[in-house]
Amino acid sequence: MIELPPYPRRASNAAVRDADPLAYRLAASGVGTLALGVLLLVGWALVQFEVVRAAWLDTLAGLVAVVLLWAGVLGLALGAALVAYPAGVRRELALHRFARSVGLSYARFGAPLEMGGVFFAERAPGADPSYGSAFELYRPPFDDAPLRLGVATFEGGRDAARGPRHAFRFLALRLPRPMPHIMIDSVRNGRLRAELPGAQRVSLEGEMDRHFAVYAPLGYARDALQVLTPDVLVCLLEHGRNWDVEVVDDLLLVASTRFRRGRDATEVPALLRFATLLGAEIRTQVVPYTDPRAVFPRTQVAAAGRRLRRRSVWCDIAILLGLVIGVPAAILGGVLLVAR
């Protein structure tokens, strides 16, 4: 087991004040904002259910109710954010201290997440990244870090490319060369089968198939198995059962659904250990890898292996129509059969 420094304890109130003198003033104003929000919602209830009756309300009751409702909801949301502000400062202090103790840098907001693949989605050429990074530990340089660990959150618009999760904790490791696209989906945190056709599934046999679903582009199953050696599989089984892993271009990506503040103390050190262990095993297989289908086998991957094929929307529509039409038809057929 790789030893890391202990995760920092909860920062004291004095440390929070030193880091941000306004933290507790904002929290105090948040309490008042919460109280105001509650009063506004009480007023909305009184108007909505006609507990309060007044002549001037006869024509304005609907408008007043809408204004009170939205103002109350906004007050509660803003008040909750202000009350939680000191906790956010504590989170930053802990991450900053831990990053320094392991030789990494820390940034409240990371560099743009310009990766492709499944986790971060394939955006259109020239489009801005769909996901932003926060609470990030990284190994410099900032703009092209060989190691990044942070929280990714979807920030794109309605038409932006979207991955399977709105927010998640991610680890990104730079590999020595581009590799075929490989997805290792942990069955513990919800399968990604809705994203990927089953024809690309690669069987690992034995116990591994009960814990992970592995996908590779058609024709690249043997390449995936070349990377996923027994040592790599043991590392995944012993240390990475809770996470999904993706190899895309020259990146090794790990995604965790445990991205909330309360999980920092366990997930951040665990992901760093996993990065060291899995990164070392994967690199051993990546360095000698060649793709004979590519023009330059030692440095390139052929177009067929660069991306997994995603499940088509039309496939989902066909399945839905099959259920809508097929189930009633089966029931009707059963009824007619019994009637005979």
C-alpha atoms as a PDB file:
ATOM      1  CA  MET A   1       0.000   0.000   0.000  1.00  0.00           C
ATOM      2  CA  ILE A   2       1.324   3.439  -0.935  1.00  0.00           C
ATOM      3  CA  GLU A   3       1.547   5.702   2.098  1.00  0.00           C
ATOM      4  CA  LEU A   4       0.267   9.265   1.813  1.00  0.00           C
ATOM      5  CA  PRO A   5       0.239  12.030   4.435  1.00  0.00           C
ATOM      6  CA  PRO A   6      -2.983  12.062   6.495  1.00  0.00           C
ATOM      7  CA  TYR A   7      -5.768  14.225   5.160  1.00  0.00           C
ATOM      8  CA  PRO A   8      -5.898  17.530   7.101  1.00  0.00           C
ATOM      9  CA  ARG A   9      -8.271  17.814  10.026  1.00  0.00           C
ATOM     10  CA  ARG A  10     -11.189  20.209  10.029  1.00  0.00           C
ATOM     11  CA  ALA A  11      -9.899  23.787   9.919  1.00  0.00           C
ATOM     12  CA  SER A  12     -10.566  25.914  13.003  1.00  0.00           C
ATOM     13  CA  ASN A  13     -12.837  28.967  12.985  1.00  0.00           C
ATOM     14  CA  ALA A  14      -9.759  31.168  13.355  1.00  0.00           C
ATOM     15  CA  ALA A  15      -8.174  29.583  10.269  1.00  0.00           C
ATOM     16  CA  VAL A  16     -11.363  30.207   8.295  1.00  0.00           C
ATOM     17  CA  ARG A  17     -11.379  33.871   9.382  1.00  0.00           C
ATOM     18  CA  ASP A  18      -7.732  34.256   8.435  1.00  0.00           C
ATOM     19  CA  ALA A  19      -8.383  32.758   5.004  1.00  0.00           C
ATOM     20  CA  ASP A  20     -11.547  34.801   4.385  1.00  0.00           C
ATOM     21  CA  PRO A  21     -12.474  37.538   6.903  1.00  0.00           C
ATOM     22  CA  LEU A  22     -15.975  37.826   5.402  1.00  0.00           C
ATOM     23  CA  ALA A  23     -16.854  34.123   5.724  1.00  0.00           C
ATOM     24  CA  TYR A  24     -18.817  34.293   8.977  1.00  0.00           C
ATOM     25  CA  ARG A  25     -20.381  37.661   8.176  1.00  0.00           C
ATOM     26  CA  LEU A  26     -21.776  36.154   5.012  1.00  0.00           C
ATOM     27  CA  ALA A  27     -23.018  33.145   6.986  1.00  0.00           C
ATOM     28  CA  ALA A  28     -24.770  35.446   9.476  1.00  0.00           C
ATOM     29  CA  SER A  29     -26.457  37.338   6.643  1.00  0.00           C
ATOM     30  CA  GLY A  30     -27.476  33.953   5.255  1.00  0.00           C
ATOM     31  CA  VAL A  31     -29.393  33.168   8.449  1.00  0.00           C
ATOM     32  CA  GLY A  32     -31.348  36.395   8.020  1.00  0.00           C
ATOM     33  CA  THR A  33     -31.969  35.617   4.353  1.00  0.00           C
ATOM     34  CA  LEU A  34     -33.281  32.161   5.273  1.00  0.00           C
ATOM     35  CA  ALA A  35     -35.661  33.689   7.815  1.00  0.00           C
ATOM     36  CA  LEU A  36     -36.885  36.181   5.209  1.00  0.00           C
ATOM     37  CA  GLY A  37     -37.416  33.356   2.723  1.00  0.00           C
ATOM     38  CA  VAL A  38     -39.511  31.431   5.253  1.00  0.00           C
ATOM     39  CA  LEU A  39     -41.638  34.521   5.963  1.00  0.00           C
ATOM     40  CA  LEU A  40     -42.212  35.077   2.252  1.00  0.00           C
ATOM     41  CA  LEU A  41     -43.337  31.461   1.803  1.00  0.00           C
ATOM     42  CA  VAL A  42     -45.674  31.793   4.777  1.00  0.00           C
ATOM     43  CA  GLY A  43     -47.108  34.895   3.110  1.00  0.00           C
ATOM     44  CA  TRP A  44     -47.523  32.933  -0.125  1.00  0.00           C
ATOM     45  CA  ALA A  45     -49.417  30.184   1.718  1.00  0.00           C
ATOM     46  CA  LEU A  46     -51.709  32.728   3.375  1.00  0.00           C
ATOM     47  CA  VAL A  47     -52.551  34.311   0.017  1.00  0.00           C
ATOM     48  CA  GLN A  48     -52.717  31.060  -1.957  1.00  0.00           C
ATOM     49  CA  PHE A  49     -55.141  29.362   0.426  1.00  0.00           C
ATOM     50  CA  GLU A  50     -57.103  32.569   1.057  1.00  0.00           C
ATOM     51  CA  VAL A  51     -56.360  32.653   4.769  1.00  0.00           C
ATOM     52  CA  VAL A  52     -55.829  36.393   4.389  1.00  0.00           C
ATOM     53  CA  ARG A  53     -58.633  38.203   2.605  1.00  0.00           C
ATOM     54  CA  ALA A  54     -58.487  41.825   1.567  1.00  0.00           C
ATOM     55  CA  ALA A  55     -60.310  43.824  -1.047  1.00  0.00           C
ATOM     56  CA  TRP A  56     -57.134  44.864  -2.846  1.00  0.00           C
ATOM     57  CA  LEU A  57     -56.132  41.197  -3.182  1.00  0.00           C
ATOM     58  CA  ASP A  58     -59.170  40.282  -5.238  1.00  0.00           C
ATOM     59  CA  THR A  59     -57.536  41.359  -8.498  1.00  0.00           C
ATOM     60  CA  LEU A  60     -53.860  40.913  -7.577  1.00  0.00           C
ATOM     61  CA  ALA A  61     -53.953  37.645  -5.629  1.00  0.00           C
ATOM     62  CA  GLY A  62     -52.424  35.585  -8.441  1.00  0.00           C
ATOM     63  CA  LEU A  63     -49.566  38.015  -9.087  1.00  0.00           C
ATOM     64  CA  VAL A  64     -48.828  38.473  -5.373  1.00  0.00           C
ATOM     65  CA  ALA A  65     -48.789  34.694  -4.831  1.00  0.00           C
ATOM     66  CA  VAL A  66     -46.306  34.161  -7.682  1.00  0.00           C
ATOM     67  CA  VAL A  67     -44.010  36.959  -6.461  1.00  0.00           C
ATOM     68  CA  LEU A  68     -44.073  35.691  -2.866  1.00  0.00           C
ATOM     69  CA  LEU A  69     -43.423  32.097  -3.948  1.00  0.00           C
ATOM     70  CA  TRP A  70     -40.412  32.824  -6.152  1.00  0.00           C
ATOM     71  CA  ALA A  71     -38.980  35.414  -3.775  1.00  0.00           C
ATOM     72  CA  GLY A  72     -39.281  32.910  -0.925  1.00  0.00           C
ATOM     73  CA  VAL A  73     -37.617  30.109  -2.896  1.00  0.00           C
ATOM     74  CA  LEU A  74     -34.828  32.461  -3.989  1.00  0.00           C
ATOM     75  CA  GLY A  75     -34.365  33.610  -0.387  1.00  0.00           C
ATOM     76  CA  LEU A  76     -34.036  30.023   0.845  1.00  0.00           C
ATOM     77  CA  ALA A  77     -31.552  29.104  -1.896  1.00  0.00           C
ATOM     78  CA  LEU A  78     -29.416  32.218  -1.383  1.00  0.00           C
ATOM     79  CA  GLY A  79     -29.578  31.894   2.403  1.00  0.00           C
ATOM     80  CA  ALA A  80     -28.504  28.241   2.306  1.00  0.00           C
ATOM     81  CA  ALA A  81     -25.548  29.124   0.050  1.00  0.00           C
ATOM     82  CA  LEU A  82     -24.428  31.921   2.382  1.00  0.00           C
ATOM     83  CA  VAL A  83     -24.762  29.763   5.508  1.00  0.00           C
ATOM     84  CA  ALA A  84     -22.638  27.062   3.844  1.00  0.00           C
ATOM     85  CA  TYR A  85     -19.935  29.534   2.796  1.00  0.00           C
ATOM     86  CA  PRO A  86     -17.567  28.866   5.757  1.00  0.00           C
ATOM     87  CA  ALA A  87     -17.787  25.124   5.010  1.00  0.00           C
ATOM     88  CA  GLY A  88     -16.619  25.847   1.469  1.00  0.00           C
ATOM     89  CA  VAL A  89     -13.649  27.802   2.830  1.00  0.00           C
ATOM     90  CA  ARG A  90     -12.802  24.842   5.097  1.00  0.00           C
ATOM     91  CA  ARG A  91     -12.924  22.534   2.089  1.00  0.00           C
ATOM     92  CA  GLU A  92     -10.499  24.716   0.167  1.00  0.00           C
ATOM     93  CA  LEU A  93      -8.118  24.957   3.125  1.00  0.00           C
ATOM     94  CA  ALA A  94      -8.040  21.170   3.522  1.00  0.00           C
ATOM     95  CA  LEU A  95      -7.500  20.516  -0.191  1.00  0.00           C
ATOM     96  CA  HIS A  96      -4.809  23.189  -0.417  1.00  0.00           C
ATOM     97  CA  ARG A  97      -2.942  21.775   2.580  1.00  0.00           C
ATOM     98  CA  PHE A  98      -3.229  18.200   1.336  1.00  0.00           C
ATOM     99  CA  ALA A  99      -2.055  19.166  -2.155  1.00  0.00           C
ATOM    100  CA  ARG A 100       1.003  20.861  -0.680  1.00  0.00           C
ATOM    101  CA  SER A 101       1.781  17.821   1.493  1.00  0.00           C
ATOM    102  CA  VAL A 102       1.861  15.488  -1.554  1.00  0.00           C
ATOM    103  CA  GLY A 103       3.768  17.862  -3.833  1.00  0.00           C
ATOM    104  CA  LEU A 104       0.819  19.029  -5.940  1.00  0.00           C
ATOM    105  CA  SER A 105      -0.708  22.438  -6.649  1.00  0.00           C
ATOM    106  CA  TYR A 106      -4.302  23.473  -5.911  1.00  0.00           C
ATOM    107  CA  ALA A 107      -6.747  25.642  -7.866  1.00  0.00           C
ATOM    108  CA  ARG A 108     -10.315  26.585  -6.957  1.00  0.00           C
ATOM    109  CA  PHE A 109     -11.148  26.461 -10.666  1.00  0.00           C
ATOM    110  CA  GLY A 110      -9.104  24.254 -12.980  1.00  0.00           C
ATOM    111  CA  ALA A 111      -8.098  24.637 -16.608  1.00  0.00           C
ATOM    112  CA  PRO A 112     -10.762  23.853 -19.251  1.00  0.00           C
ATOM    113  CA  LEU A 113     -11.671  20.166 -19.490  1.00  0.00           C
ATOM    114  CA  GLU A 114     -11.031  19.649 -23.194  1.00  0.00           C
ATOM    115  CA  MET A 115     -11.011  15.841 -23.101  1.00  0.00           C
ATOM    116  CA  GLY A 116     -13.285  13.766 -25.292  1.00  0.00           C
ATOM    117  CA  GLY A 117     -14.686  10.307 -24.762  1.00  0.00           C
ATOM    118  CA  VAL A 118     -17.656   9.127 -22.728  1.00  0.00           C
ATOM    119  CA  PHE A 119     -17.264  10.948 -19.397  1.00  0.00           C
ATOM    120  CA  PHE A 120     -16.728  14.413 -20.876  1.00  0.00           C
ATOM    121  CA  ALA A 121     -18.703  13.861 -24.114  1.00  0.00           C
ATOM    122  CA  GLU A 122     -17.646  14.576 -27.684  1.00  0.00           C
ATOM    123  CA  ARG A 123     -18.272  18.247 -28.388  1.00  0.00           C
ATOM    124  CA  ALA A 124     -18.627  19.729 -31.859  1.00  0.00           C
ATOM    125  CA  PRO A 125     -15.470  21.189 -33.484  1.00  0.00           C
ATOM    126  CA  GLY A 126     -14.856  24.697 -32.156  1.00  0.00           C
ATOM    127  CA  ALA A 127     -17.376  24.338 -29.309  1.00  0.00           C
ATOM    128  CA  ASP A 128     -16.437  25.207 -25.740  1.00  0.00           C
ATOM    129  CA  PRO A 129     -15.920  22.358 -23.245  1.00  0.00           C
ATOM    130  CA  SER A 130     -19.189  21.189 -21.681  1.00  0.00           C
ATOM    131  CA  TYR A 131     -17.673  20.560 -18.238  1.00  0.00           C
ATOM    132  CA  GLY A 132     -15.855  22.847 -15.825  1.00  0.00           C
ATOM    133  CA  SER A 133     -13.404  21.796 -13.128  1.00  0.00           C
ATOM    134  CA  ALA A 134     -13.368  22.915  -9.488  1.00  0.00           C
ATOM    135  CA  PHE A 135     -11.483  22.044  -6.291  1.00  0.00           C
ATOM    136  CA  GLU A 136      -8.628  20.725  -8.417  1.00  0.00           C
ATOM    137  CA  LEU A 137      -5.284  19.248  -7.401  1.00  0.00           C
ATOM    138  CA  TYR A 138      -2.805  19.148 -10.261  1.00  0.00           C
ATOM    139  CA  ARG A 139       0.825  18.661 -11.166  1.00  0.00           C
ATOM    140  CA  PRO A 140       2.083  21.774 -13.027  1.00  0.00           C
ATOM    141  CA  PRO A 141       1.983  23.183 -15.606  1.00  0.00           C
ATOM    142  CA  PHE A 142      -1.567  24.425 -15.072  1.00  0.00           C
ATOM    143  CA  ASP A 143      -2.612  24.459 -18.761  1.00  0.00           C
ATOM    144  CA  ASP A 144      -1.257  20.993 -19.592  1.00  0.00           C
ATOM    145  CA  ALA A 145      -1.054  19.136 -16.289  1.00  0.00           C
ATOM    146  CA  PRO A 146       0.110  15.490 -16.442  1.00  0.00           C
ATOM    147  CA  LEU A 147      -2.078  14.760 -13.380  1.00  0.00           C
ATOM    148  CA  ARG A 148      -5.417  16.372 -12.482  1.00  0.00           C
ATOM    149  CA  LEU A 149      -7.851  15.488  -9.720  1.00  0.00           C
ATOM    150  CA  GLY A 150     -10.969  17.584  -9.238  1.00  0.00           C
ATOM    151  CA  VAL A 151     -14.745  17.849  -9.464  1.00  0.00           C
ATOM    152  CA  ALA A 152     -16.240  18.132 -12.950  1.00  0.00           C
ATOM    153  CA  THR A 153     -19.639  19.806 -13.363  1.00  0.00           C
ATOM    154  CA  PHE A 154     -21.702  20.191 -16.523  1.00  0.00           C
ATOM    155  CA  GLU A 155     -21.770  23.867 -17.524  1.00  0.00           C
ATOM    156  CA  GLY A 156     -22.920  23.641 -21.133  1.00  0.00           C
ATOM    157  CA  GLY A 157     -26.154  24.900 -22.590  1.00  0.00           C
ATOM    158  CA  ARG A 158     -29.187  22.948 -23.699  1.00  0.00           C
ATOM    159  CA  ASP A 159     -27.568  21.879 -26.972  1.00  0.00           C
ATOM    160  CA  ALA A 160     -24.098  21.156 -25.557  1.00  0.00           C
ATOM    161  CA  ALA A 161     -22.662  17.646 -25.603  1.00  0.00           C
ATOM    162  CA  ARG A 162     -23.461  15.913 -22.325  1.00  0.00           C
ATOM    163  CA  GLY A 163     -21.829  12.923 -20.636  1.00  0.00           C
ATOM    164  CA  PRO A 164     -23.661  10.326 -18.551  1.00  0.00           C
ATOM    165  CA  ARG A 165     -23.276  12.324 -15.296  1.00  0.00           C
ATOM    166  CA  HIS A 166     -24.014  15.948 -14.439  1.00  0.00           C
ATOM    167  CA  ALA A 167     -21.220  16.068 -11.832  1.00  0.00           C
ATOM    168  CA  PHE A 168     -18.491  13.669 -10.732  1.00  0.00           C
ATOM    169  CA  ARG A 169     -15.018  13.568  -9.248  1.00  0.00           C
ATOM    170  CA  PHE A 170     -12.380  12.872 -11.874  1.00  0.00           C
ATOM    171  CA  LEU A 171      -8.741  11.858 -12.074  1.00  0.00           C
ATOM    172  CA  ALA A 172      -6.814  12.445 -15.318  1.00  0.00           C
ATOM    173  CA  LEU A 173      -3.362  10.978 -15.990  1.00  0.00           C
ATOM    174  CA  ARG A 174      -1.335  11.709 -19.110  1.00  0.00           C
ATOM    175  CA  LEU A 175      -0.080   8.571 -20.907  1.00  0.00           C
ATOM    176  CA  PRO A 176       3.118   8.258 -22.987  1.00  0.00           C
ATOM    177  CA  ARG A 177       1.186   7.874 -26.269  1.00  0.00           C
ATOM    178  CA  PRO A 178      -2.371   7.816 -27.686  1.00  0.00           C
ATOM    179  CA  MET A 179      -4.233   4.559 -27.116  1.00  0.00           C
ATOM    180  CA  PRO A 180      -7.392   2.866 -28.423  1.00  0.00           C
ATOM    181  CA  HIS A 181     -10.563   3.934 -26.651  1.00  0.00           C
ATOM    182  CA  ILE A 182     -11.302   1.591 -23.722  1.00  0.00           C
ATOM    183  CA  MET A 183     -14.106   1.925 -21.159  1.00  0.00           C
ATOM    184  CA  ILE A 184     -14.010  -0.040 -17.890  1.00  0.00           C
ATOM    185  CA  ASP A 185     -17.441   0.346 -16.300  1.00  0.00           C
ATOM    186  CA  SER A 186     -17.847  -0.579 -12.632  1.00  0.00           C
ATOM    187  CA  VAL A 187     -21.136  -2.374 -11.994  1.00  0.00           C
ATOM    188  CA  ARG A 188     -21.239  -0.956  -8.445  1.00  0.00           C
ATOM    189  CA  ASN A 189     -22.154   2.588  -9.425  1.00  0.00           C
ATOM    190  CA  GLY A 190     -24.633   2.000 -12.228  1.00  0.00           C
ATOM    191  CA  ARG A 191     -23.727   0.565 -15.595  1.00  0.00           C
ATOM    192  CA  LEU A 192     -23.095   2.701 -18.661  1.00  0.00           C
ATOM    193  CA  ARG A 193     -24.779   0.159 -20.912  1.00  0.00           C
ATOM    194  CA  ALA A 194     -27.258   2.824 -22.019  1.00  0.00           C
ATOM    195  CA  GLU A 195     -24.344   4.733 -23.578  1.00  0.00           C
ATOM    196  CA  LEU A 196     -22.525   1.903 -25.375  1.00  0.00           C
ATOM    197  CA  PRO A 197     -23.741  -0.898 -27.679  1.00  0.00           C
ATOM    198  CA  GLY A 198     -23.250  -4.393 -26.295  1.00  0.00           C
ATOM    199  CA  ALA A 199     -21.430  -5.474 -29.478  1.00  0.00           C
ATOM    200  CA  GLN A 200     -18.351  -3.618 -28.196  1.00  0.00           C
ATOM    201  CA  ARG A 201     -18.315  -5.499 -24.886  1.00  0.00           C
ATOM    202  CA  VAL A 202     -15.070  -7.377 -24.183  1.00  0.00           C
ATOM    203  CA  SER A 203     -15.293 -10.392 -21.883  1.00  0.00           C
ATOM    204  CA  LEU A 204     -12.619 -10.670 -19.196  1.00  0.00           C
ATOM    205  CA  GLU A 205     -14.000 -13.988 -17.939  1.00  0.00           C
ATOM    206  CA  GLY A 206     -14.218 -15.169 -14.360  1.00  0.00           C
ATOM    207  CA  GLU A 207     -14.655 -12.812 -11.435  1.00  0.00           C
ATOM    208  CA  MET A 208     -13.787  -9.658 -13.385  1.00  0.00           C
ATOM    209  CA  ASP A 209     -16.961  -9.789 -15.479  1.00  0.00           C
ATOM    210  CA  ARG A 210     -19.015  -9.695 -12.279  1.00  0.00           C
ATOM    211  CA  HIS A 211     -17.402  -6.406 -11.244  1.00  0.00           C
ATOM    212  CA  PHE A 212     -16.589  -4.626 -14.506  1.00  0.00           C
ATOM    213  CA  ALA A 213     -17.991  -4.289 -18.008  1.00  0.00           C
ATOM    214  CA  VAL A 214     -15.204  -3.537 -20.489  1.00  0.00           C
ATOM    215  CA  TYR A 215     -15.815  -1.960 -23.903  1.00  0.00           C
ATOM    216  CA  ALA A 216     -13.449  -1.485 -26.862  1.00  0.00           C
ATOM    217  CA  PRO A 217     -14.051  -0.474 -30.502  1.00  0.00           C
ATOM    218  CA  LEU A 218     -14.930  -3.322 -32.836  1.00  0.00           C
ATOM    219  CA  GLY A 219     -11.747  -5.080 -33.882  1.00  0.00           C
ATOM    220  CA  TYR A 220      -9.813  -3.803 -30.859  1.00  0.00           C
ATOM    221  CA  ALA A 221     -10.768  -6.406 -28.249  1.00  0.00           C
ATOM    222  CA  ARG A 222      -7.322  -8.015 -28.426  1.00  0.00           C
ATOM    223  CA  ASP A 223      -5.677  -4.594 -28.015  1.00  0.00           C
ATOM    224  CA  ALA A 224      -7.770  -3.956 -24.902  1.00  0.00           C
ATOM    225  CA  LEU A 225      -6.728  -7.295 -23.429  1.00  0.00           C
ATOM    226  CA  GLN A 226      -3.114  -6.448 -24.219  1.00  0.00           C
ATOM    227  CA  VAL A 227      -3.451  -3.366 -22.001  1.00  0.00           C
ATOM    228  CA  LEU A 228      -5.572  -5.052 -19.312  1.00  0.00           C
ATOM    229  CA  THR A 229      -2.965  -7.547 -18.149  1.00  0.00           C
ATOM    230  CA  PRO A 230      -3.495  -9.687 -15.020  1.00  0.00           C
ATOM    231  CA  ASP A 231      -1.555  -7.114 -12.949  1.00  0.00           C
ATOM    232  CA  VAL A 232      -3.813  -4.303 -14.180  1.00  0.00           C
ATOM    233  CA  LEU A 233      -6.933  -6.369 -13.478  1.00  0.00           C
ATOM    234  CA  VAL A 234      -5.756  -7.201  -9.953  1.00  0.00           C
ATOM    235  CA  CYS A 235      -5.169  -3.493  -9.329  1.00  0.00           C
ATOM    236  CA  LEU A 236      -8.681  -2.695 -10.563  1.00  0.00           C
ATOM    237  CA  LEU A 237     -10.243  -5.449  -8.491  1.00  0.00           C
ATOM    238  CA  GLU A 238      -8.431  -4.581  -5.267  1.00  0.00           C
ATOM    239  CA  HIS A 239      -8.462  -0.785  -5.432  1.00  0.00           C
ATOM    240  CA  GLY A 240     -10.882   0.448  -8.107  1.00  0.00           C
ATOM    241  CA  ARG A 241     -14.179  -1.401  -7.779  1.00  0.00           C
ATOM    242  CA  ASN A 242     -16.098   1.797  -7.004  1.00  0.00           C
ATOM    243  CA  TRP A 243     -14.874   3.776 -10.011  1.00  0.00           C
ATOM    244  CA  ASP A 244     -15.237   3.828 -13.779  1.00  0.00           C
ATOM    245  CA  VAL A 245     -12.038   4.002 -15.845  1.00  0.00           C
ATOM    246  CA  GLU A 246     -11.650   5.304 -19.392  1.00  0.00           C
ATOM    247  CA  VAL A 247      -8.616   5.308 -21.675  1.00  0.00           C
ATOM    248  CA  VAL A 248      -9.086   7.891 -24.415  1.00  0.00           C
ATOM    249  CA  ASP A 249      -6.411   9.460 -26.628  1.00  0.00           C
ATOM    250  CA  ASP A 250      -3.351   9.873 -24.371  1.00  0.00           C
ATOM    251  CA  LEU A 251      -5.328  10.081 -21.120  1.00  0.00           C
ATOM    252  CA  LEU A 252      -6.287   7.668 -18.373  1.00  0.00           C
ATOM    253  CA  LEU A 253      -9.492   8.952 -16.757  1.00  0.00           C
ATOM    254  CA  VAL A 254     -11.085   7.729 -13.535  1.00  0.00           C
ATOM    255  CA  ALA A 255     -14.583   8.884 -12.529  1.00  0.00           C
ATOM    256  CA  SER A 256     -16.135   8.676  -9.063  1.00  0.00           C
ATOM    257  CA  THR A 257     -19.738   9.436  -8.121  1.00  0.00           C
ATOM    258  CA  ARG A 258     -18.538  10.485  -4.638  1.00  0.00           C
ATOM    259  CA  PHE A 259     -17.787  14.138  -5.291  1.00  0.00           C
ATOM    260  CA  ARG A 260     -19.435  15.896  -2.335  1.00  0.00           C
ATOM    261  CA  ARG A 261     -17.445  17.755   0.323  1.00  0.00           C
ATOM    262  CA  GLY A 262     -17.961  15.027   2.916  1.00  0.00           C
ATOM    263  CA  ARG A 263     -16.131  12.507   0.696  1.00  0.00           C
ATOM    264  CA  ASP A 264     -12.948  14.534   0.171  1.00  0.00           C
ATOM    265  CA  ALA A 265     -11.029  12.987   3.066  1.00  0.00           C
ATOM    266  CA  THR A 266     -11.461   9.441   1.719  1.00  0.00           C
ATOM    267  CA  GLU A 267     -11.811   9.833  -2.056  1.00  0.00           C
ATOM    268  CA  VAL A 268      -8.941  12.245  -2.736  1.00  0.00           C
ATOM    269  CA  PRO A 269      -6.199  10.114  -1.093  1.00  0.00           C
ATOM    270  CA  ALA A 270      -7.742   6.905  -2.473  1.00  0.00           C
ATOM    271  CA  LEU A 271      -7.743   8.249  -6.034  1.00  0.00           C
ATOM    272  CA  LEU A 272      -4.149   9.432  -5.718  1.00  0.00           C
ATOM    273  CA  ARG A 273      -3.073   5.971  -4.528  1.00  0.00           C
ATOM    274  CA  PHE A 274      -5.018   4.407  -7.376  1.00  0.00           C
ATOM    275  CA  ALA A 275      -3.382   6.812  -9.832  1.00  0.00           C
ATOM    276  CA  THR A 276       0.059   5.725  -8.696  1.00  0.00           C
ATOM    277  CA  LEU A 277      -0.735   2.009  -8.768  1.00  0.00           C
ATOM    278  CA  LEU A 278      -2.816   1.803 -11.941  1.00  0.00           C
ATOM    279  CA  GLY A 279      -0.767   4.448 -13.724  1.00  0.00           C
ATOM    280  CA  ALA A 280       2.416   2.429 -13.231  1.00  0.00           C
ATOM    281  CA  GLU A 281       0.790  -0.790 -14.466  1.00  0.00           C
ATOM    282  CA  ILE A 282      -0.879   0.844 -17.480  1.00  0.00           C
ATOM    283  CA  ARG A 283       2.270   2.700 -18.526  1.00  0.00           C
ATOM    284  CA  THR A 284       4.144  -0.600 -18.649  1.00  0.00           C
ATOM    285  CA  GLN A 285       1.682  -1.790 -21.317  1.00  0.00           C
ATOM    286  CA  VAL A 286       1.309   1.534 -23.122  1.00  0.00           C
ATOM    287  CA  VAL A 287       4.988   2.166 -23.882  1.00  0.00           C
ATOM    288  CA  PRO A 288       5.504  -0.919 -26.133  1.00  0.00           C
ATOM    289  CA  TYR A 289       2.007  -0.787 -27.683  1.00  0.00           C
ATOM    290  CA  THR A 290       1.726  -0.509 -31.460  1.00  0.00           C
ATOM    291  CA  ASP A 291      -1.342  -0.319 -33.694  1.00  0.00           C
ATOM    292  CA  PRO A 292      -0.513  -2.061 -36.998  1.00  0.00           C
ATOM    293  CA  ARG A 293      -3.634  -0.526 -38.588  1.00  0.00           C
ATOM    294  CA  ALA A 294      -2.242   3.021 -38.212  1.00  0.00           C
ATOM    295  CA  VAL A 295       0.086   4.805 -40.647  1.00  0.00           C
ATOM    296  CA  PHE A 296       2.584   5.303 -37.817  1.00  0.00           C
ATOM    297  CA  PRO A 297       1.960   2.307 -35.524  1.00  0.00           C
ATOM    298  CA  ARG A 298       4.278   3.481 -32.721  1.00  0.00           C
ATOM    299  CA  THR A 299       2.671   6.887 -32.256  1.00  0.00           C
ATOM    300  CA  GLN A 300      -0.843   6.712 -33.709  1.00  0.00           C
ATOM    301  CA  VAL A 301      -4.127   4.837 -33.388  1.00  0.00           C
ATOM    302  CA  ALA A 302      -6.143   4.087 -36.520  1.00  0.00           C
ATOM    303  CA  ALA A 303      -9.430   5.968 -36.890  1.00  0.00           C
ATOM    304  CA  ALA A 304     -11.473   2.819 -36.151  1.00  0.00           C
ATOM    305  CA  GLY A 305      -9.924   2.517 -32.691  1.00  0.00           C
ATOM    306  CA  ARG A 306      -9.976   6.126 -31.541  1.00  0.00           C
ATOM    307  CA  ARG A 307     -13.557   6.206 -30.305  1.00  0.00           C
ATOM    308  CA  LEU A 308     -16.154   3.776 -29.069  1.00  0.00           C
ATOM    309  CA  ARG A 309     -19.380   3.817 -31.017  1.00  0.00           C
ATOM    310  CA  ARG A 310     -22.190   5.363 -28.965  1.00  0.00           C
ATOM    311  CA  ARG A 311     -25.693   3.947 -28.812  1.00  0.00           C
ATOM    312  CA  SER A 312     -27.928   5.654 -31.359  1.00  0.00           C
ATOM    313  CA  VAL A 313     -30.971   7.650 -30.275  1.00  0.00           C
ATOM    314  CA  TRP A 314     -32.937   5.773 -32.936  1.00  0.00           C
ATOM    315  CA  CYS A 315     -32.038   2.520 -31.218  1.00  0.00           C
ATOM    316  CA  ASP A 316     -33.585   3.810 -27.987  1.00  0.00           C
ATOM    317  CA  ILE A 317     -36.685   4.956 -29.878  1.00  0.00           C
ATOM    318  CA  ALA A 318     -37.011   1.522 -31.502  1.00  0.00           C
ATOM    319  CA  ILE A 319     -36.777  -0.183 -28.099  1.00  0.00           C
ATOM    320  CA  LEU A 320     -39.398   2.177 -26.664  1.00  0.00           C
ATOM    321  CA  LEU A 321     -41.750   1.593 -29.590  1.00  0.00           C
ATOM    322  CA  GLY A 322     -41.204  -2.133 -29.226  1.00  0.00           C
ATOM    323  CA  LEU A 323     -42.265  -1.953 -25.584  1.00  0.00           C
ATOM    324  CA  VAL A 324     -45.235   0.325 -26.286  1.00  0.00           C
ATOM    325  CA  ILE A 325     -46.531  -1.851 -29.136  1.00  0.00           C
ATOM    326  CA  GLY A 326     -45.178  -5.267 -28.201  1.00  0.00           C
ATOM    327  CA  VAL A 327     -46.376  -5.482 -24.584  1.00  0.00           C
ATOM    328  CA  PRO A 328     -50.050  -4.651 -25.343  1.00  0.00           C
ATOM    329  CA  ALA A 329     -49.923  -6.978 -28.360  1.00  0.00           C
ATOM    330  CA  ALA A 330     -48.598  -9.820 -26.208  1.00  0.00           C
ATOM    331  CA  ILE A 331     -51.303  -9.212 -23.588  1.00  0.00           C
ATOM    332  CA  LEU A 332     -54.029  -9.092 -26.256  1.00  0.00           C
ATOM    333  CA  GLY A 333     -52.682 -12.269 -27.840  1.00  0.00           C
ATOM    334  CA  GLY A 334     -52.754 -14.018 -24.471  1.00  0.00           C
ATOM    335  CA  VAL A 335     -56.353 -12.918 -23.851  1.00  0.00           C
ATOM    336  CA  LEU A 336     -57.474 -14.153 -27.288  1.00  0.00           C
ATOM    337  CA  LEU A 337     -55.683 -17.453 -26.741  1.00  0.00           C
ATOM    338  CA  VAL A 338     -57.459 -17.981 -23.417  1.00  0.00           C
ATOM    339  CA  ALA A 339     -60.792 -16.984 -24.978  1.00  0.00           C
ATOM    340  CA  ARG A 340     -60.501 -19.850 -27.448  1.00  0.00           C
END
